[in-house]
Structures are given as structure tokens and as C-alpha cells.
N, C-alpha and C. Protein backbone atom coordinates (compact mmCIF):
# COMPACT_ATOMS: atom_id res chain seq x y z
N MET A 1 38.39 -7.75 -38.82
CA MET A 1 37.87 -8.60 -39.94
C MET A 1 39.08 -8.76 -40.71
N ASN A 2 38.46 -9.85 -41.99
CA ASN A 2 39.35 -10.64 -42.96
C ASN A 2 38.74 -10.11 -44.12
N ARG A 3 39.32 -9.78 -44.99
CA ARG A 3 39.47 -9.41 -46.68
C ARG A 3 39.84 -10.54 -47.30
N TYR A 4 38.48 -10.80 -48.41
CA TYR A 4 38.27 -11.65 -49.15
C TYR A 4 38.42 -11.62 -51.03
N LEU A 5 39.56 -11.84 -51.61
CA LEU A 5 39.45 -12.11 -52.93
C LEU A 5 38.81 -13.37 -53.25
N LEU A 6 38.15 -13.05 -53.95
CA LEU A 6 37.27 -13.68 -54.48
C LEU A 6 36.82 -13.96 -56.43
N VAL A 7 38.05 -14.96 -57.19
CA VAL A 7 37.46 -14.83 -58.49
C VAL A 7 35.93 -15.99 -59.03
N TYR A 8 35.13 -15.45 -59.55
CA TYR A 8 33.79 -15.41 -59.30
C TYR A 8 33.65 -16.59 -60.77
N HIS A 9 33.33 -17.22 -61.72
CA HIS A 9 33.01 -17.24 -62.61
C HIS A 9 31.73 -17.30 -62.96
N ARG A 10 31.18 -16.33 -63.83
CA ARG A 10 28.96 -16.22 -63.64
C ARG A 10 28.30 -17.34 -64.68
N ARG A 11 29.35 -17.72 -65.41
CA ARG A 11 28.52 -17.95 -66.52
C ARG A 11 28.35 -20.29 -65.93
N GLU A 12 29.58 -20.77 -65.12
CA GLU A 12 30.29 -22.11 -64.78
C GLU A 12 29.27 -21.88 -63.49
N GLY A 13 28.95 -20.65 -62.32
CA GLY A 13 28.52 -20.52 -60.75
C GLY A 13 29.16 -21.11 -60.21
N ARG A 14 31.11 -21.31 -60.21
CA ARG A 14 31.48 -20.86 -58.59
C ARG A 14 32.52 -20.28 -59.12
N VAL A 15 32.77 -20.16 -58.17
CA VAL A 15 34.14 -19.65 -57.41
C VAL A 15 35.73 -20.06 -57.78
N LEU A 16 36.52 -19.57 -58.55
CA LEU A 16 37.33 -19.72 -58.87
C LEU A 16 38.53 -19.94 -58.45
N SER A 17 38.69 -19.05 -56.90
CA SER A 17 39.62 -19.27 -56.56
C SER A 17 39.45 -18.12 -55.19
N VAL A 18 39.81 -18.48 -53.83
CA VAL A 18 39.44 -17.67 -52.80
C VAL A 18 40.75 -17.00 -52.52
N ARG A 19 41.16 -16.08 -52.00
CA ARG A 19 42.33 -15.48 -51.30
C ARG A 19 42.44 -14.95 -49.98
N ALA A 20 42.60 -14.67 -48.80
CA ALA A 20 42.44 -14.56 -47.73
C ALA A 20 43.45 -13.01 -46.84
N PHE A 21 42.56 -11.82 -46.75
CA PHE A 21 43.32 -11.03 -46.59
C PHE A 21 43.85 -9.90 -45.17
N LEU A 22 44.88 -9.95 -44.47
CA LEU A 22 44.45 -9.26 -43.62
C LEU A 22 44.60 -7.40 -43.52
N ASP A 23 44.71 -7.57 -43.96
CA ASP A 23 44.62 -5.45 -44.91
C ASP A 23 44.88 -5.45 -46.31
N SER A 24 43.62 -4.38 -45.76
CA SER A 24 42.33 -3.79 -47.17
C SER A 24 43.26 -4.00 -47.94
N HIS A 25 44.12 -2.06 -47.71
CA HIS A 25 44.26 -2.74 -49.23
C HIS A 25 45.68 -3.63 -49.94
N GLU A 26 46.08 -4.56 -49.56
CA GLU A 26 46.56 -4.92 -50.30
C GLU A 26 46.00 -6.02 -51.23
N ALA A 27 44.78 -6.19 -50.69
CA ALA A 27 43.68 -7.24 -51.16
C ALA A 27 43.02 -5.95 -52.28
N LEU A 28 42.67 -4.95 -52.20
CA LEU A 28 42.71 -4.56 -53.09
C LEU A 28 43.15 -4.42 -54.50
N ARG A 29 44.72 -3.96 -53.85
CA ARG A 29 45.79 -3.85 -55.46
C ARG A 29 45.26 -5.41 -55.58
N ASP A 30 45.49 -6.38 -55.78
CA ASP A 30 45.49 -7.27 -55.55
C ASP A 30 44.15 -7.40 -56.32
N ARG A 31 43.25 -7.12 -56.46
CA ARG A 31 41.57 -7.48 -56.72
C ARG A 31 42.26 -6.73 -58.33
N PHE A 32 42.68 -5.46 -57.94
CA PHE A 32 43.33 -4.92 -59.74
C PHE A 32 44.09 -5.35 -60.69
N ALA A 33 44.81 -5.94 -59.94
CA ALA A 33 45.93 -7.34 -60.49
C ALA A 33 44.76 -7.96 -61.28
N VAL A 34 43.74 -8.15 -60.14
CA VAL A 34 42.97 -9.93 -61.40
C VAL A 34 42.58 -9.42 -62.17
N GLU A 35 41.63 -8.54 -61.80
CA GLU A 35 40.56 -7.61 -62.83
C GLU A 35 41.59 -7.43 -63.88
N ARG A 36 42.44 -6.36 -63.91
CA ARG A 36 43.55 -6.85 -65.81
C ARG A 36 43.27 -7.97 -66.18
N GLU A 37 43.43 -8.89 -65.73
CA GLU A 37 44.19 -10.28 -66.66
C GLU A 37 42.82 -10.85 -66.67
N HIS A 38 41.47 -10.98 -66.58
CA HIS A 38 40.45 -11.12 -66.60
C HIS A 38 39.72 -10.01 -67.65
N ALA A 39 40.52 -8.61 -67.91
CA ALA A 39 40.12 -7.86 -68.13
C ALA A 39 38.61 -8.26 -70.09
N GLY A 40 39.44 -9.36 -70.58
CA GLY A 40 38.42 -9.24 -71.35
C GLY A 40 36.52 -10.15 -70.93
N ASP A 41 37.46 -11.09 -69.89
CA ASP A 41 36.28 -11.75 -70.32
C ASP A 41 35.12 -11.42 -69.35
N PRO A 42 33.70 -11.48 -69.99
CA PRO A 42 32.64 -11.16 -68.73
C PRO A 42 32.09 -12.06 -68.36
N HIS A 43 32.86 -12.54 -67.98
CA HIS A 43 32.00 -13.63 -66.73
C HIS A 43 33.42 -14.09 -66.13
N ILE A 44 33.85 -12.97 -65.69
CA ILE A 44 34.41 -13.62 -64.49
C ILE A 44 34.20 -12.19 -63.86
N GLU A 45 34.39 -12.53 -62.53
CA GLU A 45 33.57 -11.19 -61.28
C GLU A 45 34.93 -11.00 -60.00
N VAL A 46 35.39 -10.28 -60.13
CA VAL A 46 36.34 -10.19 -59.33
C VAL A 46 35.38 -9.67 -57.63
N VAL A 47 36.12 -9.91 -56.70
CA VAL A 47 35.08 -8.72 -55.49
C VAL A 47 36.13 -9.47 -54.60
N VAL A 48 36.35 -8.36 -53.75
CA VAL A 48 36.77 -8.13 -51.98
C VAL A 48 35.96 -7.75 -50.90
N LEU A 49 35.23 -9.20 -50.51
CA LEU A 49 34.51 -8.82 -49.07
C LEU A 49 35.19 -8.99 -47.79
N GLY A 50 34.28 -8.70 -46.66
CA GLY A 50 35.28 -8.65 -45.91
C GLY A 50 33.71 -9.67 -44.73
N ALA A 51 35.08 -10.67 -44.17
CA ALA A 51 34.17 -11.96 -42.52
C ALA A 51 34.75 -11.82 -42.19
N ARG A 52 34.29 -11.62 -40.82
CA ARG A 52 35.69 -12.50 -39.82
C ARG A 52 36.11 -13.89 -39.68
N SER A 53 35.75 -14.51 -40.59
CA SER A 53 35.66 -16.12 -40.81
C SER A 53 35.76 -16.01 -42.86
N LEU A 54 35.52 -17.80 -43.26
CA LEU A 54 35.61 -17.58 -44.49
C LEU A 54 34.09 -18.95 -44.25
N GLU A 55 33.76 -19.29 -43.19
CA GLU A 55 32.66 -19.56 -42.81
C GLU A 55 31.18 -18.68 -42.73
N ASP A 56 32.06 -17.64 -41.26
CA ASP A 56 30.96 -16.16 -42.53
C ASP A 56 30.42 -15.81 -43.88
N LEU A 57 31.40 -15.58 -44.18
CA LEU A 57 32.08 -14.98 -45.70
C LEU A 57 31.04 -16.21 -46.39
N ARG A 58 31.04 -17.32 -45.99
CA ARG A 58 29.78 -18.78 -47.22
C ARG A 58 28.11 -18.20 -46.99
N ARG A 59 28.38 -18.02 -45.89
CA ARG A 59 26.94 -17.76 -45.29
C ARG A 59 26.06 -16.30 -45.67
N THR A 60 26.89 -15.99 -45.36
CA THR A 60 26.41 -14.26 -46.03
C THR A 60 27.01 -14.26 -47.16
N HIS A 61 27.16 -14.74 -48.09
CA HIS A 61 27.85 -14.44 -49.71
C HIS A 61 27.80 -15.42 -50.52
N ALA A 62 26.00 -16.14 -50.02
CA ALA A 62 25.92 -17.34 -50.39
C ALA A 62 26.08 -17.71 -51.97
N ARG A 63 25.76 -16.99 -52.32
CA ARG A 63 25.67 -17.33 -54.32
C ARG A 63 26.60 -17.49 -54.95
N TYR A 64 28.10 -16.90 -53.96
CA TYR A 64 29.01 -17.32 -54.41
C TYR A 64 29.71 -18.94 -54.71
N PHE A 65 29.38 -19.71 -53.29
CA PHE A 65 29.45 -20.74 -53.11
C PHE A 65 28.53 -21.68 -53.17
N LYS A 66 27.48 -21.77 -53.48
CA LYS A 66 26.06 -22.72 -53.53
C LYS A 66 25.46 -22.36 -55.18
N THR A 67 25.16 -23.38 -55.49
CA THR A 67 24.38 -23.78 -56.82
C THR A 67 22.92 -23.22 -56.75
N VAL A 68 23.22 -23.05 -58.26
CA VAL A 68 21.46 -22.37 -58.74
C VAL A 68 20.19 -23.62 -57.38
N ALA A 69 20.05 -24.28 -57.99
CA ALA A 69 19.73 -25.14 -56.22
C ALA A 69 19.04 -25.06 -55.46
N GLU A 70 20.58 -25.26 -55.07
CA GLU A 70 20.87 -24.93 -53.34
C GLU A 70 20.17 -23.84 -52.92
N LEU A 71 20.63 -22.33 -53.51
CA LEU A 71 19.95 -21.33 -53.26
C LEU A 71 18.41 -21.36 -53.41
N ALA A 72 17.62 -22.02 -54.58
CA ALA A 72 16.06 -21.69 -54.63
C ALA A 72 15.42 -23.19 -53.74
N THR A 73 15.75 -23.89 -53.19
CA THR A 73 15.60 -24.98 -51.88
C THR A 73 16.08 -24.22 -50.65
N GLY A 74 17.21 -23.71 -51.01
CA GLY A 74 16.92 -22.68 -49.35
C GLY A 74 15.74 -21.25 -48.94
N ALA A 75 15.54 -20.96 -50.21
CA ALA A 75 14.37 -19.42 -50.66
C ALA A 75 13.15 -20.50 -49.77
N ILE A 76 12.81 -21.40 -50.80
CA ILE A 76 11.79 -22.30 -50.41
C ILE A 76 11.49 -22.24 -49.16
N ALA A 77 12.13 -23.25 -49.14
CA ALA A 77 12.25 -23.43 -47.47
C ALA A 77 11.68 -22.12 -46.23
N ARG A 78 12.49 -21.72 -46.14
CA ARG A 78 12.63 -19.71 -45.92
C ARG A 78 10.92 -19.54 -46.16
N CYS A 79 10.33 -19.28 -47.18
CA CYS A 79 8.84 -19.37 -47.44
C CYS A 79 8.00 -20.01 -46.69
N GLU A 80 8.12 -21.35 -46.71
CA GLU A 80 7.39 -22.05 -45.85
C GLU A 80 7.48 -22.15 -44.25
N TRP A 81 8.65 -21.57 -44.22
CA TRP A 81 8.81 -21.38 -42.62
C TRP A 81 7.73 -19.62 -42.48
N ARG A 82 8.17 -19.44 -42.55
CA ARG A 82 7.22 -18.05 -43.01
C ARG A 82 5.43 -18.55 -43.10
N GLY A 83 5.29 -19.00 -43.27
CA GLY A 83 4.03 -19.26 -43.81
C GLY A 83 3.69 -18.51 -45.40
N TRP A 84 4.30 -17.75 -46.30
CA TRP A 84 4.42 -17.84 -47.43
C TRP A 84 3.28 -18.27 -48.57
């Protein structure tokens, strides 16, 4: 499984960067370094997530990659599909 280091800007609702890693320890080391770089900014979120591929990550963690409107549209469609 790959590890992906994401730097996400909460206020702007967008991913600033994505880096792929094969080694978990290296990913975490870099995460802590990036967190130190952005320590004073409450709008920056730094995470390491695991997935087989970037496409899988985009599907399982869509909140990082889709706009609020896209997420809402998807949620409404799922509710309608289920008959809610």
C-alpha cells in the first residue's frame, strides 16, 4: 500500500500538494517536517493517508479533492438513490 502526504488548505478547500511514498516512516518524517513549516497557520492540514492508488485515495477521501458543491451533489444523489 502506498502512503500519500497531503497538504490541504481548509479555508480555500483545496489540496496544495500530494506526495506519494512507499515507506511509512519516510512519509511520517516528511509529514512532521511539513507540519513544522506551517505551524502558525490554522488553515493548513497535513495528513498521511494510505491507499493502493491516488485514484483510490480520491474516491475514499473525496473531501480533500472535491468542492463543497460536488460533495453536496453526491450526497443528495445517494439519498435519492436510497429513497430518503
